[in-house]
Amino acid sequence: MTPDVEVTSAVPVEIATSAGDIVELLDVLWERTRDRGWASPASLAQLRLMYAVDREDGIRMRALGVALNVSAPSLSRLCDRLQTVGFVVRKPSPDSKREVTLSLTEEGHAHLAEVRRKRGEVLTGAIDSMPAGQRAGLAQGLTGLRAALVAPPVLTGPVVRGPAV
C-alpha cells in the first residue's frame, strides 16, 4: 500500500499507484462481503463479463473478447458457467450465422442489481466516514477519471507514414 499522496504535488504516476491500491482494497472489501454470508455465484472475471454485456446488450462474442482482452476459449468457458446459472443467453447474430451474441437474462440483470447494491452499501459506509471536503474532492476526481477512461485513447507516439505515392 502506498502512503497518502500529497495532493498539491501529486504526479500522475503517484495518483495511478494510489488508485491501483484502492482497486485492490475494493477487491478485498468485496471478498469480505462474500465472507459475511452473501456469496455471488459469479467470479470477478464473470462479473466483468456481465458488466460489459449489461453496457452493450447483444454484444458479439468476438467484440466482447477484444473488449475484455480474453481469448476465445476462456471467454467461452466464462459464458458456459454464466449460462449454466441462468445469467446470460447466447443467440445467433441476426446478420451473421457464424457469430453469436450475448445478452443478460432477467436473472442476470437481477443479480447485477444485487451486486451493485451490496457494493454500494460498502462504499457508502466508507464514503460517509470521510470529511465533507474529501467527499467533494473524491466526487470531482472520480468524475474526471471516468471521463478520461471512456474517452478515445490519445496517441502519443510518433506518427509513422508510408512512402509518398
N, C-alpha and C. Protein backbone atom coordinates (compact mmCIF):
# COMPACT_ATOMS: atom_id res chain seq x y z
N MET A 1 0.86 -1.17 0.00
CA MET A 1 0.00 0.00 0.00
C MET A 1 0.90 1.22 0.00
N THR A 2 0.63 2.13 -0.88
CA THR A 2 1.42 3.35 -0.96
C THR A 2 0.93 4.34 0.09
N PRO A 3 1.85 5.22 0.54
CA PRO A 3 1.42 6.25 1.50
C PRO A 3 0.48 7.23 0.82
N ASP A 4 -0.17 8.05 1.65
CA ASP A 4 -1.07 9.06 1.10
C ASP A 4 -0.32 9.96 0.13
N VAL A 5 -0.97 10.31 -0.96
CA VAL A 5 -0.37 11.16 -1.97
C VAL A 5 -0.65 12.61 -1.60
N GLU A 6 0.40 13.44 -1.60
CA GLU A 6 0.26 14.87 -1.34
C GLU A 6 -0.46 15.48 -2.54
N VAL A 7 -1.65 16.02 -2.31
CA VAL A 7 -2.50 16.49 -3.40
C VAL A 7 -1.83 17.59 -4.22
N THR A 8 -1.16 18.51 -3.58
CA THR A 8 -0.61 19.65 -4.32
C THR A 8 0.57 19.28 -5.19
N SER A 9 1.29 18.21 -4.87
CA SER A 9 2.48 17.87 -5.65
C SER A 9 2.34 16.53 -6.37
N ALA A 10 1.16 15.97 -6.39
CA ALA A 10 0.97 14.64 -6.96
C ALA A 10 1.18 14.66 -8.47
N VAL A 11 1.91 13.65 -8.92
CA VAL A 11 2.09 13.46 -10.36
C VAL A 11 1.24 12.27 -10.77
N PRO A 12 0.90 12.18 -12.06
CA PRO A 12 0.01 11.09 -12.50
C PRO A 12 0.44 9.69 -12.06
N VAL A 13 1.73 9.40 -12.06
CA VAL A 13 2.19 8.07 -11.67
C VAL A 13 1.84 7.78 -10.21
N GLU A 14 2.04 8.77 -9.34
CA GLU A 14 1.71 8.58 -7.92
C GLU A 14 0.21 8.40 -7.72
N ILE A 15 -0.56 9.19 -8.44
CA ILE A 15 -2.02 9.09 -8.32
C ILE A 15 -2.50 7.75 -8.85
N ALA A 16 -1.92 7.29 -9.97
CA ALA A 16 -2.29 6.00 -10.55
C ALA A 16 -1.95 4.87 -9.58
N THR A 17 -0.82 4.96 -8.92
CA THR A 17 -0.45 3.94 -7.94
C THR A 17 -1.44 3.93 -6.78
N SER A 18 -1.81 5.11 -6.31
CA SER A 18 -2.79 5.21 -5.23
C SER A 18 -4.14 4.66 -5.67
N ALA A 19 -4.56 4.98 -6.90
CA ALA A 19 -5.83 4.45 -7.42
C ALA A 19 -5.78 2.93 -7.53
N GLY A 20 -4.65 2.40 -7.97
CA GLY A 20 -4.49 0.94 -8.05
C GLY A 20 -4.63 0.29 -6.68
N ASP A 21 -4.06 0.95 -5.66
CA ASP A 21 -4.20 0.44 -4.30
C ASP A 21 -5.67 0.41 -3.87
N ILE A 22 -6.42 1.43 -4.25
CA ILE A 22 -7.84 1.49 -3.91
C ILE A 22 -8.59 0.36 -4.60
N VAL A 23 -8.27 0.10 -5.86
CA VAL A 23 -8.91 -1.00 -6.58
C VAL A 23 -8.67 -2.32 -5.84
N GLU A 24 -7.43 -2.53 -5.39
CA GLU A 24 -7.11 -3.74 -4.64
C GLU A 24 -7.89 -3.80 -3.33
N LEU A 25 -7.99 -2.67 -2.64
CA LEU A 25 -8.77 -2.62 -1.39
C LEU A 25 -10.24 -2.95 -1.66
N LEU A 26 -10.77 -2.44 -2.76
CA LEU A 26 -12.16 -2.73 -3.09
C LEU A 26 -12.37 -4.22 -3.33
N ASP A 27 -11.39 -4.87 -3.96
CA ASP A 27 -11.47 -6.32 -4.14
C ASP A 27 -11.51 -7.03 -2.80
N VAL A 28 -10.67 -6.58 -1.86
CA VAL A 28 -10.64 -7.17 -0.52
C VAL A 28 -11.97 -6.93 0.18
N LEU A 29 -12.50 -5.70 0.09
CA LEU A 29 -13.79 -5.40 0.72
C LEU A 29 -14.89 -6.25 0.12
N TRP A 30 -14.84 -6.46 -1.21
CA TRP A 30 -15.84 -7.29 -1.86
C TRP A 30 -15.77 -8.71 -1.33
N GLU A 31 -14.55 -9.23 -1.15
CA GLU A 31 -14.39 -10.58 -0.62
C GLU A 31 -14.93 -10.67 0.81
N ARG A 32 -14.74 -9.59 1.60
CA ARG A 32 -15.30 -9.58 2.96
C ARG A 32 -16.81 -9.66 2.92
N THR A 33 -17.43 -8.96 1.96
CA THR A 33 -18.88 -9.02 1.81
C THR A 33 -19.30 -10.45 1.50
N ARG A 34 -18.53 -11.11 0.65
CA ARG A 34 -18.81 -12.51 0.32
C ARG A 34 -18.68 -13.39 1.56
N ASP A 35 -17.68 -13.08 2.41
CA ASP A 35 -17.45 -13.86 3.62
C ASP A 35 -18.54 -13.66 4.67
N ARG A 36 -19.32 -12.57 4.56
CA ARG A 36 -20.37 -12.28 5.52
C ARG A 36 -21.69 -12.96 5.18
N GLY A 37 -21.63 -13.95 4.33
CA GLY A 37 -22.83 -14.73 4.07
C GLY A 37 -23.49 -14.50 2.74
N TRP A 38 -23.04 -13.52 1.97
CA TRP A 38 -23.62 -13.33 0.65
C TRP A 38 -22.55 -13.62 -0.37
N ALA A 39 -22.65 -14.76 -0.99
CA ALA A 39 -21.66 -15.15 -1.99
C ALA A 39 -22.30 -15.13 -3.36
N SER A 40 -21.70 -14.38 -4.24
CA SER A 40 -22.16 -14.35 -5.62
C SER A 40 -21.75 -15.64 -6.30
N PRO A 41 -22.64 -16.24 -7.09
CA PRO A 41 -22.23 -17.42 -7.84
C PRO A 41 -21.30 -17.07 -8.99
N ALA A 42 -21.09 -15.78 -9.24
CA ALA A 42 -20.22 -15.33 -10.33
C ALA A 42 -18.88 -14.86 -9.76
N SER A 43 -17.80 -15.27 -10.41
CA SER A 43 -16.46 -14.82 -10.03
C SER A 43 -16.27 -13.38 -10.48
N LEU A 44 -15.16 -12.77 -10.06
CA LEU A 44 -14.89 -11.41 -10.50
C LEU A 44 -14.75 -11.34 -12.02
N ALA A 45 -14.12 -12.33 -12.64
CA ALA A 45 -14.00 -12.35 -14.10
C ALA A 45 -15.37 -12.46 -14.75
N GLN A 46 -16.24 -13.27 -14.19
CA GLN A 46 -17.58 -13.40 -14.74
C GLN A 46 -18.38 -12.12 -14.55
N LEU A 47 -18.18 -11.45 -13.43
CA LEU A 47 -18.86 -10.17 -13.22
C LEU A 47 -18.39 -9.13 -14.23
N ARG A 48 -17.09 -9.11 -14.53
CA ARG A 48 -16.58 -8.19 -15.56
C ARG A 48 -17.30 -8.43 -16.88
N LEU A 49 -17.46 -9.69 -17.22
CA LEU A 49 -18.16 -10.05 -18.45
C LEU A 49 -19.60 -9.56 -18.39
N MET A 50 -20.26 -9.77 -17.26
CA MET A 50 -21.65 -9.36 -17.12
C MET A 50 -21.79 -7.84 -17.21
N TYR A 51 -20.84 -7.09 -16.62
CA TYR A 51 -20.88 -5.63 -16.72
C TYR A 51 -20.79 -5.20 -18.17
N ALA A 52 -19.88 -5.83 -18.92
CA ALA A 52 -19.71 -5.47 -20.34
C ALA A 52 -20.97 -5.76 -21.13
N VAL A 53 -21.60 -6.91 -20.88
CA VAL A 53 -22.83 -7.27 -21.59
C VAL A 53 -23.96 -6.34 -21.18
N ASP A 54 -23.98 -5.94 -19.92
CA ASP A 54 -25.01 -5.01 -19.45
C ASP A 54 -24.87 -3.66 -20.16
N ARG A 55 -23.64 -3.23 -20.39
CA ARG A 55 -23.41 -1.95 -21.09
C ARG A 55 -23.78 -2.04 -22.57
N GLU A 56 -23.61 -3.23 -23.16
CA GLU A 56 -23.87 -3.38 -24.60
C GLU A 56 -24.62 -4.69 -24.85
N ASP A 57 -25.92 -4.66 -24.63
CA ASP A 57 -26.74 -5.84 -24.81
C ASP A 57 -26.65 -6.35 -26.24
N GLY A 58 -26.50 -7.65 -26.39
CA GLY A 58 -26.42 -8.23 -27.72
C GLY A 58 -25.03 -8.12 -28.33
N ILE A 59 -24.03 -7.88 -27.49
CA ILE A 59 -22.66 -7.76 -27.98
C ILE A 59 -22.21 -9.08 -28.61
N ARG A 60 -21.47 -8.97 -29.68
CA ARG A 60 -20.93 -10.17 -30.34
C ARG A 60 -19.81 -10.74 -29.47
N MET A 61 -19.73 -12.04 -29.45
CA MET A 61 -18.72 -12.71 -28.62
C MET A 61 -17.32 -12.24 -29.00
N ARG A 62 -17.05 -12.09 -30.28
CA ARG A 62 -15.72 -11.67 -30.72
C ARG A 62 -15.39 -10.28 -30.16
N ALA A 63 -16.34 -9.35 -30.24
CA ALA A 63 -16.13 -8.00 -29.73
C ALA A 63 -15.97 -8.01 -28.22
N LEU A 64 -16.70 -8.88 -27.55
CA LEU A 64 -16.59 -9.00 -26.10
C LEU A 64 -15.20 -9.50 -25.70
N GLY A 65 -14.70 -10.49 -26.42
CA GLY A 65 -13.36 -11.00 -26.16
C GLY A 65 -12.30 -9.92 -26.31
N VAL A 66 -12.44 -9.10 -27.34
CA VAL A 66 -11.50 -7.99 -27.55
C VAL A 66 -11.63 -6.98 -26.42
N ALA A 67 -12.86 -6.62 -26.07
CA ALA A 67 -13.09 -5.63 -25.02
C ALA A 67 -12.52 -6.07 -23.67
N LEU A 68 -12.63 -7.36 -23.38
CA LEU A 68 -12.15 -7.88 -22.10
C LEU A 68 -10.72 -8.40 -22.16
N ASN A 69 -10.15 -8.43 -23.37
CA ASN A 69 -8.81 -8.96 -23.57
C ASN A 69 -8.72 -10.42 -23.10
N VAL A 70 -9.69 -11.21 -23.57
CA VAL A 70 -9.80 -12.61 -23.17
C VAL A 70 -9.79 -13.47 -24.43
N SER A 71 -9.10 -14.59 -24.37
CA SER A 71 -9.06 -15.49 -25.52
C SER A 71 -10.43 -16.12 -25.74
N ALA A 72 -10.67 -16.57 -26.96
CA ALA A 72 -11.96 -17.18 -27.29
C ALA A 72 -12.29 -18.39 -26.40
N PRO A 73 -11.34 -19.31 -26.16
CA PRO A 73 -11.67 -20.44 -25.29
C PRO A 73 -12.01 -20.02 -23.85
N SER A 74 -11.26 -19.06 -23.32
CA SER A 74 -11.54 -18.58 -21.95
C SER A 74 -12.89 -17.90 -21.88
N LEU A 75 -13.19 -17.09 -22.91
CA LEU A 75 -14.48 -16.41 -22.95
C LEU A 75 -15.62 -17.42 -23.03
N SER A 76 -15.44 -18.44 -23.82
CA SER A 76 -16.46 -19.47 -23.96
C SER A 76 -16.72 -20.17 -22.63
N ARG A 77 -15.65 -20.48 -21.89
CA ARG A 77 -15.81 -21.12 -20.57
C ARG A 77 -16.54 -20.20 -19.59
N LEU A 78 -16.18 -18.90 -19.59
CA LEU A 78 -16.87 -17.95 -18.73
C LEU A 78 -18.36 -17.92 -19.05
N CYS A 79 -18.67 -17.87 -20.34
CA CYS A 79 -20.07 -17.83 -20.78
C CYS A 79 -20.79 -19.12 -20.43
N ASP A 80 -20.12 -20.26 -20.58
CA ASP A 80 -20.73 -21.56 -20.23
C ASP A 80 -21.20 -21.54 -18.78
N ARG A 81 -20.32 -21.06 -17.89
CA ARG A 81 -20.65 -21.03 -16.46
C ARG A 81 -21.82 -20.09 -16.18
N LEU A 82 -21.79 -18.92 -16.82
CA LEU A 82 -22.86 -17.95 -16.59
C LEU A 82 -24.18 -18.43 -17.19
N GLN A 83 -24.11 -19.14 -18.29
CA GLN A 83 -25.33 -19.67 -18.89
C GLN A 83 -25.90 -20.79 -18.01
N THR A 84 -25.02 -21.59 -17.40
CA THR A 84 -25.46 -22.68 -16.52
C THR A 84 -26.25 -22.15 -15.33
N VAL A 85 -25.82 -21.01 -14.76
CA VAL A 85 -26.55 -20.44 -13.61
C VAL A 85 -27.70 -19.55 -14.06
N GLY A 86 -27.88 -19.39 -15.37
CA GLY A 86 -29.03 -18.64 -15.88
C GLY A 86 -28.85 -17.15 -15.97
N PHE A 87 -27.60 -16.66 -16.01
CA PHE A 87 -27.36 -15.22 -16.04
C PHE A 87 -27.21 -14.65 -17.45
N VAL A 88 -26.82 -15.48 -18.41
CA VAL A 88 -26.65 -15.00 -19.78
C VAL A 88 -27.30 -15.97 -20.74
N VAL A 89 -27.56 -15.46 -21.93
CA VAL A 89 -28.09 -16.29 -23.01
C VAL A 89 -27.33 -15.96 -24.27
N ARG A 90 -26.96 -16.99 -25.00
CA ARG A 90 -26.30 -16.81 -26.30
C ARG A 90 -27.36 -16.93 -27.38
N LYS A 91 -27.21 -16.06 -28.38
CA LYS A 91 -28.15 -16.09 -29.51
C LYS A 91 -27.35 -15.97 -30.80
N PRO A 92 -27.86 -16.56 -31.88
CA PRO A 92 -27.19 -16.34 -33.17
C PRO A 92 -27.31 -14.87 -33.55
N SER A 93 -26.27 -14.35 -34.16
CA SER A 93 -26.28 -12.96 -34.62
C SER A 93 -27.35 -12.81 -35.69
N PRO A 94 -28.11 -11.71 -35.66
CA PRO A 94 -29.16 -11.53 -36.66
C PRO A 94 -28.61 -11.34 -38.07
N ASP A 95 -27.36 -10.86 -38.20
CA ASP A 95 -26.84 -10.62 -39.54
C ASP A 95 -25.68 -11.52 -39.94
N SER A 96 -25.31 -12.49 -39.10
CA SER A 96 -24.24 -13.40 -39.46
C SER A 96 -24.45 -14.73 -38.75
N LYS A 97 -24.65 -15.76 -39.51
CA LYS A 97 -24.89 -17.09 -38.93
C LYS A 97 -23.65 -17.62 -38.20
N ARG A 98 -22.48 -17.06 -38.52
CA ARG A 98 -21.25 -17.55 -37.92
C ARG A 98 -20.95 -16.90 -36.57
N GLU A 99 -21.67 -15.83 -36.24
CA GLU A 99 -21.38 -15.14 -34.99
C GLU A 99 -22.49 -15.33 -33.97
N VAL A 100 -22.10 -15.18 -32.71
CA VAL A 100 -23.01 -15.36 -31.59
C VAL A 100 -23.03 -14.07 -30.79
N THR A 101 -24.21 -13.68 -30.32
CA THR A 101 -24.33 -12.51 -29.46
C THR A 101 -24.65 -12.97 -28.04
N LEU A 102 -24.45 -12.08 -27.11
CA LEU A 102 -24.66 -12.41 -25.71
C LEU A 102 -25.53 -11.35 -25.06
N SER A 103 -26.50 -11.79 -24.26
CA SER A 103 -27.38 -10.89 -23.52
C SER A 103 -27.54 -11.42 -22.10
N LEU A 104 -27.85 -10.51 -21.19
CA LEU A 104 -28.18 -10.91 -19.83
C LEU A 104 -29.63 -11.36 -19.78
N THR A 105 -29.90 -12.34 -18.95
CA THR A 105 -31.28 -12.77 -18.69
C THR A 105 -31.85 -11.87 -17.59
N GLU A 106 -33.13 -12.04 -17.31
CA GLU A 106 -33.73 -11.30 -16.18
C GLU A 106 -32.98 -11.62 -14.90
N GLU A 107 -32.62 -12.90 -14.72
CA GLU A 107 -31.87 -13.30 -13.53
C GLU A 107 -30.50 -12.63 -13.50
N GLY A 108 -29.86 -12.50 -14.66
CA GLY A 108 -28.57 -11.83 -14.74
C GLY A 108 -28.67 -10.37 -14.36
N HIS A 109 -29.70 -9.69 -14.88
CA HIS A 109 -29.92 -8.27 -14.51
C HIS A 109 -30.18 -8.15 -13.02
N ALA A 110 -31.00 -9.04 -12.47
CA ALA A 110 -31.31 -9.00 -11.04
C ALA A 110 -30.06 -9.24 -10.20
N HIS A 111 -29.23 -10.17 -10.63
CA HIS A 111 -28.00 -10.46 -9.89
C HIS A 111 -27.07 -9.24 -9.90
N LEU A 112 -26.90 -8.63 -11.07
CA LEU A 112 -26.04 -7.43 -11.13
C LEU A 112 -26.59 -6.32 -10.24
N ALA A 113 -27.90 -6.16 -10.21
CA ALA A 113 -28.50 -5.15 -9.34
C ALA A 113 -28.17 -5.44 -7.88
N GLU A 114 -28.22 -6.70 -7.50
CA GLU A 114 -27.89 -7.07 -6.11
C GLU A 114 -26.41 -6.86 -5.82
N VAL A 115 -25.54 -7.22 -6.75
CA VAL A 115 -24.10 -6.99 -6.58
C VAL A 115 -23.84 -5.50 -6.40
N ARG A 116 -24.45 -4.69 -7.26
CA ARG A 116 -24.25 -3.24 -7.17
C ARG A 116 -24.80 -2.69 -5.86
N ARG A 117 -25.92 -3.22 -5.39
CA ARG A 117 -26.49 -2.77 -4.11
C ARG A 117 -25.55 -3.09 -2.96
N LYS A 118 -25.02 -4.33 -2.95
CA LYS A 118 -24.11 -4.73 -1.87
C LYS A 118 -22.83 -3.90 -1.90
N ARG A 119 -22.27 -3.73 -3.07
CA ARG A 119 -21.05 -2.91 -3.18
C ARG A 119 -21.35 -1.48 -2.79
N GLY A 120 -22.52 -0.99 -3.17
CA GLY A 120 -22.91 0.37 -2.81
C GLY A 120 -22.98 0.56 -1.31
N GLU A 121 -23.47 -0.45 -0.59
CA GLU A 121 -23.52 -0.37 0.87
C GLU A 121 -22.12 -0.23 1.46
N VAL A 122 -21.19 -1.03 0.96
CA VAL A 122 -19.81 -0.98 1.46
C VAL A 122 -19.20 0.38 1.16
N LEU A 123 -19.36 0.84 -0.08
CA LEU A 123 -18.77 2.13 -0.47
C LEU A 123 -19.43 3.30 0.26
N THR A 124 -20.75 3.25 0.41
CA THR A 124 -21.45 4.33 1.10
C THR A 124 -20.95 4.45 2.54
N GLY A 125 -20.75 3.31 3.19
CA GLY A 125 -20.24 3.34 4.56
C GLY A 125 -18.87 3.99 4.64
N ALA A 126 -17.99 3.65 3.71
CA ALA A 126 -16.64 4.23 3.71
C ALA A 126 -16.68 5.72 3.37
N ILE A 127 -17.45 6.08 2.35
CA ILE A 127 -17.52 7.48 1.93
C ILE A 127 -18.18 8.34 2.98
N ASP A 128 -19.18 7.78 3.67
CA ASP A 128 -19.88 8.52 4.72
C ASP A 128 -18.94 8.88 5.87
N SER A 129 -17.89 8.09 6.06
CA SER A 129 -16.96 8.36 7.16
C SER A 129 -15.91 9.42 6.80
N MET A 130 -15.90 9.85 5.56
CA MET A 130 -14.93 10.87 5.11
C MET A 130 -15.46 12.28 5.42
N PRO A 131 -14.55 13.22 5.68
CA PRO A 131 -14.98 14.62 5.84
C PRO A 131 -15.62 15.13 4.54
N ALA A 132 -16.52 16.08 4.66
CA ALA A 132 -17.27 16.60 3.50
C ALA A 132 -16.36 17.10 2.39
N GLY A 133 -15.29 17.79 2.72
CA GLY A 133 -14.38 18.31 1.70
C GLY A 133 -13.72 17.19 0.91
N GLN A 134 -13.35 16.12 1.60
CA GLN A 134 -12.75 14.98 0.91
C GLN A 134 -13.78 14.27 0.03
N ARG A 135 -15.02 14.18 0.50
CA ARG A 135 -16.08 13.57 -0.33
C ARG A 135 -16.28 14.37 -1.61
N ALA A 136 -16.29 15.70 -1.49
CA ALA A 136 -16.48 16.54 -2.67
C ALA A 136 -15.30 16.38 -3.64
N GLY A 137 -14.09 16.33 -3.10
CA GLY A 137 -12.91 16.13 -3.94
C GLY A 137 -12.93 14.77 -4.62
N LEU A 138 -13.37 13.75 -3.88
CA LEU A 138 -13.48 12.40 -4.44
C LEU A 138 -14.49 12.38 -5.59
N ALA A 139 -15.65 13.01 -5.38
CA ALA A 139 -16.68 13.05 -6.41
C ALA A 139 -16.15 13.73 -7.68
N GLN A 140 -15.46 14.84 -7.50
CA GLN A 140 -14.92 15.56 -8.65
C GLN A 140 -13.84 14.73 -9.34
N GLY A 141 -12.95 14.15 -8.57
CA GLY A 141 -11.89 13.33 -9.14
C GLY A 141 -12.41 12.10 -9.87
N LEU A 142 -13.40 11.44 -9.30
CA LEU A 142 -13.97 10.25 -9.95
C LEU A 142 -14.67 10.62 -11.26
N THR A 143 -15.32 11.78 -11.27
CA THR A 143 -15.96 12.24 -12.50
C THR A 143 -14.92 12.44 -13.60
N GLY A 144 -13.82 13.08 -13.26
CA GLY A 144 -12.75 13.30 -14.22
C GLY A 144 -12.09 12.00 -14.67
N LEU A 145 -11.86 11.09 -13.73
CA LEU A 145 -11.24 9.81 -14.06
C LEU A 145 -12.12 9.00 -14.99
N ARG A 146 -13.42 8.97 -14.71
CA ARG A 146 -14.34 8.23 -15.57
C ARG A 146 -14.34 8.79 -16.99
N ALA A 147 -14.36 10.10 -17.08
CA ALA A 147 -14.35 10.74 -18.40
C ALA A 147 -13.07 10.40 -19.16
N ALA A 148 -11.94 10.38 -18.45
CA ALA A 148 -10.67 10.05 -19.10
C ALA A 148 -10.62 8.59 -19.53
N LEU A 149 -11.23 7.71 -18.75
CA LEU A 149 -11.20 6.28 -19.07
C LEU A 149 -12.09 5.93 -20.26
N VAL A 150 -13.18 6.65 -20.45
CA VAL A 150 -14.08 6.32 -21.55
C VAL A 150 -13.78 7.12 -22.81
N ALA A 151 -12.89 8.10 -22.71
CA ALA A 151 -12.53 8.90 -23.88
C ALA A 151 -11.68 8.06 -24.83
N PRO A 152 -11.72 8.38 -26.13
CA PRO A 152 -10.85 7.67 -27.07
C PRO A 152 -9.39 7.86 -26.68
N PRO A 153 -8.57 6.83 -26.86
CA PRO A 153 -7.15 6.96 -26.47
C PRO A 153 -6.45 8.03 -27.31
N VAL A 154 -5.53 8.69 -26.64
CA VAL A 154 -4.73 9.72 -27.31
C VAL A 154 -3.42 9.06 -27.73
N LEU A 155 -3.09 9.17 -28.99
CA LEU A 155 -1.84 8.60 -29.48
C LEU A 155 -0.70 9.56 -29.15
N THR A 156 0.29 9.07 -28.42
CA THR A 156 1.39 9.93 -28.02
C THR A 156 2.68 9.60 -28.74
N GLY A 157 2.73 8.51 -29.45
CA GLY A 157 3.95 8.12 -30.16
C GLY A 157 4.11 8.88 -31.46
N PRO A 158 5.24 8.63 -32.12
CA PRO A 158 5.47 9.33 -33.40
C PRO A 158 4.50 8.83 -34.47
N VAL A 159 4.16 9.70 -35.37
CA VAL A 159 3.29 9.35 -36.48
C VAL A 159 4.16 8.68 -37.54
N VAL A 160 3.77 7.49 -37.95
CA VAL A 160 4.52 6.76 -38.96
C VAL A 160 3.74 6.84 -40.26
N ARG A 161 4.39 7.35 -41.28
CA ARG A 161 3.74 7.48 -42.58
C ARG A 161 4.41 6.56 -43.57
N GLY A 162 3.61 6.05 -44.47
CA GLY A 162 4.15 5.20 -45.53
C GLY A 162 4.80 6.06 -46.59
N PRO A 163 5.36 5.41 -47.59
CA PRO A 163 6.02 6.17 -48.68
C PRO A 163 5.00 7.02 -49.44
N ALA A 164 5.46 8.16 -49.88
CA ALA A 164 4.59 9.06 -50.66
C ALA A 164 4.28 8.40 -52.00
N VAL A 165 3.05 8.53 -52.43
CA VAL A 165 2.63 7.92 -53.70
C VAL A 165 2.45 8.96 -54.75
